[in-house]
């Protein structure tokens, strides 16, 4: 199934599909932390379009349908910040998340001179933590945001790519 999915750069026309998919995908995270006010569930289309214009946004397509997405930016010090890696629930656990992660890392290194990659996820998000560890990321810090949520920050150097 994964080979019929193509990965490419997102366009402004993908905004609505990405936002709908994001809303679907973050329901499980919201339930896990009992917090339905998290930013991915409240983000506006205008805010997403600004990210499309400024950052590196990749999408996975099955035909015309956007079934996955990931975003990244690079700071002045060369740190690439990767976020909102999403895959449609019906396509999860088929390697698509890893393909999206590798694609955005490659683009950020080639086009924006990323020197290291940084991302974060919730401390209870075992599937996310497993994916990131399997792709060379290591925890570098934890920040408690609320009594229910701590964010785990993970990093890797470009040479650590599997």
C-alpha atoms as a PDB file:
ATOM      1  CA  UNK A   1       0.000   0.000   0.000  1.00  0.00           C
ATOM      2  CA  UNK A   2       2.798   2.427   0.908  1.00  0.00           C
ATOM      3  CA  UNK A   3       4.291   2.406  -2.579  1.00  0.00           C
ATOM      4  CA  UNK A   4       1.109   3.811  -4.139  1.00  0.00           C
ATOM      5  CA  UNK A   5       1.372   6.840  -1.882  1.00  0.00           C
ATOM      6  CA  UNK A   6       3.444   9.721  -3.266  1.00  0.00           C
ATOM      7  CA  UNK A   7       5.217  12.351  -1.186  1.00  0.00           C
ATOM      8  CA  UNK A   8       5.641  15.894  -2.477  1.00  0.00           C
ATOM      9  CA  UNK A   9       5.761  19.518  -1.425  1.00  0.00           C
ATOM     10  CA  UNK A  10       2.414  20.866  -0.255  1.00  0.00           C
ATOM     11  CA  UNK A  11       0.751  23.733  -2.083  1.00  0.00           C
ATOM     12  CA  UNK A  12      -1.685  26.362  -0.866  1.00  0.00           C
ATOM     13  CA  UNK A  13      -4.459  24.278  -2.450  1.00  0.00           C
ATOM     14  CA  UNK A  14      -3.694  21.484   0.054  1.00  0.00           C
ATOM     15  CA  UNK A  15      -4.480  23.664   3.071  1.00  0.00           C
ATOM     16  CA  UNK A  16      -8.063  22.572   3.647  1.00  0.00           C
ATOM     17  CA  UNK A  17      -7.272  18.868   3.280  1.00  0.00           C
ATOM     18  CA  UNK A  18      -4.281  19.149   5.628  1.00  0.00           C
ATOM     19  CA  UNK A  19      -6.350  20.985   8.229  1.00  0.00           C
ATOM     20  CA  UNK A  20      -9.160  18.390   8.095  1.00  0.00           C
ATOM     21  CA  UNK A  21      -6.673  15.540   8.342  1.00  0.00           C
ATOM     22  CA  UNK A  22      -4.893  17.275  11.219  1.00  0.00           C
ATOM     23  CA  UNK A  23      -8.193  17.600  13.075  1.00  0.00           C
ATOM     24  CA  UNK A  24      -8.892  13.890  12.564  1.00  0.00           C
ATOM     25  CA  UNK A  25      -5.409  12.749  13.540  1.00  0.00           C
ATOM     26  CA  UNK A  26      -5.091  14.818  16.706  1.00  0.00           C
ATOM     27  CA  UNK A  27      -8.323  13.467  18.222  1.00  0.00           C
ATOM     28  CA  UNK A  28      -6.414  10.539  19.732  1.00  0.00           C
ATOM     29  CA  UNK A  29      -3.782  12.868  21.208  1.00  0.00           C
ATOM     30  CA  UNK A  30      -6.494  15.086  22.673  1.00  0.00           C
ATOM     31  CA  UNK A  31      -8.205  12.061  24.217  1.00  0.00           C
ATOM     32  CA  UNK A  32      -4.902  10.723  25.566  1.00  0.00           C
ATOM     33  CA  UNK A  33      -4.292  13.958  27.473  1.00  0.00           C
ATOM     34  CA  UNK A  34      -7.963  14.902  27.996  1.00  0.00           C
ATOM     35  CA  UNK A  35      -7.343  18.256  26.321  1.00  0.00           C
ATOM     36  CA  UNK A  36      -9.372  19.178  23.250  1.00  0.00           C
ATOM     37  CA  UNK A  37      -8.008  22.721  23.198  1.00  0.00           C
ATOM     38  CA  UNK A  38      -4.604  21.736  21.830  1.00  0.00           C
ATOM     39  CA  UNK A  39      -3.308  23.950  19.041  1.00  0.00           C
ATOM     40  CA  UNK A  40      -3.617  21.387  16.220  1.00  0.00           C
ATOM     41  CA  UNK A  41      -7.362  21.186  16.935  1.00  0.00           C
ATOM     42  CA  UNK A  42      -7.850  24.949  17.101  1.00  0.00           C
ATOM     43  CA  UNK A  43      -5.548  26.059  14.285  1.00  0.00           C
ATOM     44  CA  UNK A  44      -7.224  28.199  11.635  1.00  0.00           C
ATOM     45  CA  UNK A  45      -6.931  27.792   7.894  1.00  0.00           C
ATOM     46  CA  UNK A  46      -5.258  31.212   7.658  1.00  0.00           C
ATOM     47  CA  UNK A  47      -2.637  30.143  10.199  1.00  0.00           C
ATOM     48  CA  UNK A  48      -2.005  26.924   8.282  1.00  0.00           C
ATOM     49  CA  UNK A  49      -1.684  28.827   5.013  1.00  0.00           C
ATOM     50  CA  UNK A  50       0.944  31.064   6.639  1.00  0.00           C
ATOM     51  CA  UNK A  51       2.894  27.911   7.559  1.00  0.00           C
ATOM     52  CA  UNK A  52       2.586  26.690   3.973  1.00  0.00           C
ATOM     53  CA  UNK A  53       4.027  29.990   2.718  1.00  0.00           C
ATOM     54  CA  UNK A  54       6.900  30.218   5.215  1.00  0.00           C
ATOM     55  CA  UNK A  55       7.935  26.675   6.048  1.00  0.00           C
ATOM     56  CA  UNK A  56       8.675  23.381   4.392  1.00  0.00           C
ATOM     57  CA  UNK A  57       5.450  21.376   4.262  1.00  0.00           C
ATOM     58  CA  UNK A  58       5.345  17.914   2.755  1.00  0.00           C
ATOM     59  CA  UNK A  59       2.238  15.883   1.969  1.00  0.00           C
ATOM     60  CA  UNK A  60       1.565  12.247   1.235  1.00  0.00           C
ATOM     61  CA  UNK A  61      -1.108  11.639  -1.387  1.00  0.00           C
ATOM     62  CA  UNK A  62      -3.133   8.611  -2.290  1.00  0.00           C
ATOM     63  CA  UNK A  63      -4.500   9.741  -5.624  1.00  0.00           C
ATOM     64  CA  UNK A  64      -5.761  13.268  -4.948  1.00  0.00           C
ATOM     65  CA  UNK A  65      -6.387  12.682  -1.253  1.00  0.00           C
ATOM     66  CA  UNK A  66      -3.899  14.081   1.264  1.00  0.00           C
ATOM     67  CA  UNK A  67      -3.301  11.171   3.663  1.00  0.00           C
ATOM     68  CA  UNK A  68      -0.289  12.525   5.536  1.00  0.00           C
ATOM     69  CA  UNK A  69       1.662  15.682   6.202  1.00  0.00           C
ATOM     70  CA  UNK A  70       4.624  17.082   8.106  1.00  0.00           C
ATOM     71  CA  UNK A  71       6.035  20.598   8.559  1.00  0.00           C
ATOM     72  CA  UNK A  72       9.458  22.003   9.225  1.00  0.00           C
ATOM     73  CA  UNK A  73      11.375  25.239   9.587  1.00  0.00           C
ATOM     74  CA  UNK A  74      15.041  26.018  10.217  1.00  0.00           C
ATOM     75  CA  UNK A  75      16.221  28.517  12.837  1.00  0.00           C
ATOM     76  CA  UNK A  76      19.127  30.914  12.303  1.00  0.00           C
ATOM     77  CA  UNK A  77      21.413  28.495  14.201  1.00  0.00           C
ATOM     78  CA  UNK A  78      20.608  25.658  11.785  1.00  0.00           C
ATOM     79  CA  UNK A  79      18.174  23.792  14.015  1.00  0.00           C
ATOM     80  CA  UNK A  80      15.330  22.287  12.005  1.00  0.00           C
ATOM     81  CA  UNK A  81      12.077  22.174  13.937  1.00  0.00           C
ATOM     82  CA  UNK A  82       9.782  19.453  12.688  1.00  0.00           C
ATOM     83  CA  UNK A  83       6.147  19.251  13.714  1.00  0.00           C
ATOM     84  CA  UNK A  84       2.651  18.076  13.052  1.00  0.00           C
ATOM     85  CA  UNK A  85       3.599  14.760  11.502  1.00  0.00           C
ATOM     86  CA  UNK A  86       0.220  13.216  10.692  1.00  0.00           C
ATOM     87  CA  UNK A  87      -0.937  10.109   8.859  1.00  0.00           C
ATOM     88  CA  UNK A  88      -4.545   9.150   8.218  1.00  0.00           C
ATOM     89  CA  UNK A  89      -5.580   6.493  10.764  1.00  0.00           C
ATOM     90  CA  UNK A  90      -6.386   3.946   8.045  1.00  0.00           C
ATOM     91  CA  UNK A  91      -2.805   4.177   6.715  1.00  0.00           C
ATOM     92  CA  UNK A  92      -0.904   4.210  10.002  1.00  0.00           C
ATOM     93  CA  UNK A  93       1.657   1.511  10.791  1.00  0.00           C
ATOM     94  CA  UNK A  94       2.649   1.063   7.132  1.00  0.00           C
ATOM     95  CA  UNK A  95       5.838   3.168   7.193  1.00  0.00           C
ATOM     96  CA  UNK A  96       4.285   6.347   5.851  1.00  0.00           C
ATOM     97  CA  UNK A  97       5.183   8.422   8.916  1.00  0.00           C
ATOM     98  CA  UNK A  98       8.818   7.411   8.533  1.00  0.00           C
ATOM     99  CA  UNK A  99       8.770   8.258   4.827  1.00  0.00           C
ATOM    100  CA  UNK A 100       7.335  11.714   5.557  1.00  0.00           C
ATOM    101  CA  UNK A 101       9.896  12.304   8.303  1.00  0.00           C
ATOM    102  CA  UNK A 102      12.778  11.322   6.005  1.00  0.00           C
ATOM    103  CA  UNK A 103      11.408  13.520   3.201  1.00  0.00           C
ATOM    104  CA  UNK A 104      11.151  16.658   5.345  1.00  0.00           C
ATOM    105  CA  UNK A 105      14.586  16.025   6.885  1.00  0.00           C
ATOM    106  CA  UNK A 106      16.102  15.710   3.401  1.00  0.00           C
ATOM    107  CA  UNK A 107      14.454  18.922   2.174  1.00  0.00           C
ATOM    108  CA  UNK A 108      15.431  20.874   5.282  1.00  0.00           C
ATOM    109  CA  UNK A 109      19.069  19.746   4.953  1.00  0.00           C
ATOM    110  CA  UNK A 110      19.344  20.324   1.209  1.00  0.00           C
ATOM    111  CA  UNK A 111      17.376  23.549   0.862  1.00  0.00           C
ATOM    112  CA  UNK A 112      17.723  25.198   4.259  1.00  0.00           C
ATOM    113  CA  UNK A 113      21.067  23.886   5.546  1.00  0.00           C
ATOM    114  CA  UNK A 114      19.697  22.143   8.640  1.00  0.00           C
ATOM    115  CA  UNK A 115      22.491  21.139  11.043  1.00  0.00           C
ATOM    116  CA  UNK A 116      20.293  19.197  13.470  1.00  0.00           C
ATOM    117  CA  UNK A 117      16.664  18.139  13.756  1.00  0.00           C
ATOM    118  CA  UNK A 118      14.411  18.773  16.744  1.00  0.00           C
ATOM    119  CA  UNK A 119      10.836  17.717  17.396  1.00  0.00           C
ATOM    120  CA  UNK A 120       8.609  17.045  20.370  1.00  0.00           C
ATOM    121  CA  UNK A 121       5.711  14.880  21.409  1.00  0.00           C
ATOM    122  CA  UNK A 122       3.671  14.185  24.512  1.00  0.00           C
ATOM    123  CA  UNK A 123       5.143  11.887  27.135  1.00  0.00           C
ATOM    124  CA  UNK A 124       2.277   9.363  26.795  1.00  0.00           C
ATOM    125  CA  UNK A 125       2.446   9.235  22.986  1.00  0.00           C
ATOM    126  CA  UNK A 126       4.269   5.893  22.842  1.00  0.00           C
ATOM    127  CA  UNK A 127       3.714   5.350  19.113  1.00  0.00           C
ATOM    128  CA  UNK A 128       5.235   8.734  18.303  1.00  0.00           C
ATOM    129  CA  UNK A 129       8.167   8.188  20.663  1.00  0.00           C
ATOM    130  CA  UNK A 130       8.826   4.759  19.109  1.00  0.00           C
ATOM    131  CA  UNK A 131       8.728   6.190  15.569  1.00  0.00           C
ATOM    132  CA  UNK A 132      11.153   8.976  16.420  1.00  0.00           C
ATOM    133  CA  UNK A 133      13.572   6.661  18.276  1.00  0.00           C
ATOM    134  CA  UNK A 134      13.491   4.254  15.319  1.00  0.00           C
ATOM    135  CA  UNK A 135      14.546   7.148  13.067  1.00  0.00           C
ATOM    136  CA  UNK A 136      17.558   8.146  15.143  1.00  0.00           C
ATOM    137  CA  UNK A 137      16.055  10.706  17.507  1.00  0.00           C
ATOM    138  CA  UNK A 138      17.080  10.765  21.157  1.00  0.00           C
ATOM    139  CA  UNK A 139      15.349  12.564  24.054  1.00  0.00           C
ATOM    140  CA  UNK A 140      17.142  15.742  25.137  1.00  0.00           C
ATOM    141  CA  UNK A 141      14.611  17.231  27.537  1.00  0.00           C
ATOM    142  CA  UNK A 142      11.153  17.175  29.045  1.00  0.00           C
ATOM    143  CA  UNK A 143       8.959  20.157  29.877  1.00  0.00           C
ATOM    144  CA  UNK A 144       5.831  19.835  31.988  1.00  0.00           C
ATOM    145  CA  UNK A 145       3.128  22.012  30.406  1.00  0.00           C
ATOM    146  CA  UNK A 146       0.165  20.984  32.554  1.00  0.00           C
ATOM    147  CA  UNK A 147      -0.451  18.410  35.260  1.00  0.00           C
ATOM    148  CA  UNK A 148      -1.534  16.038  32.465  1.00  0.00           C
ATOM    149  CA  UNK A 149       1.008  16.840  29.756  1.00  0.00           C
ATOM    150  CA  UNK A 150       4.765  16.867  29.536  1.00  0.00           C
ATOM    151  CA  UNK A 151       6.466  17.448  26.193  1.00  0.00           C
ATOM    152  CA  UNK A 152       9.457  15.285  25.354  1.00  0.00           C
ATOM    153  CA  UNK A 153      11.957  17.041  23.058  1.00  0.00           C
ATOM    154  CA  UNK A 154      14.002  14.780  20.791  1.00  0.00           C
ATOM    155  CA  UNK A 155      16.927  15.603  18.511  1.00  0.00           C
ATOM    156  CA  UNK A 156      19.251  14.057  15.979  1.00  0.00           C
ATOM    157  CA  UNK A 157      22.115  15.154  13.795  1.00  0.00           C
ATOM    158  CA  UNK A 158      21.743  14.748  10.002  1.00  0.00           C
ATOM    159  CA  UNK A 159      24.518  12.118  10.041  1.00  0.00           C
ATOM    160  CA  UNK A 160      22.357  10.020  12.395  1.00  0.00           C
ATOM    161  CA  UNK A 161      19.877   9.302   9.617  1.00  0.00           C
ATOM    162  CA  UNK A 162      19.162   5.561   9.289  1.00  0.00           C
END
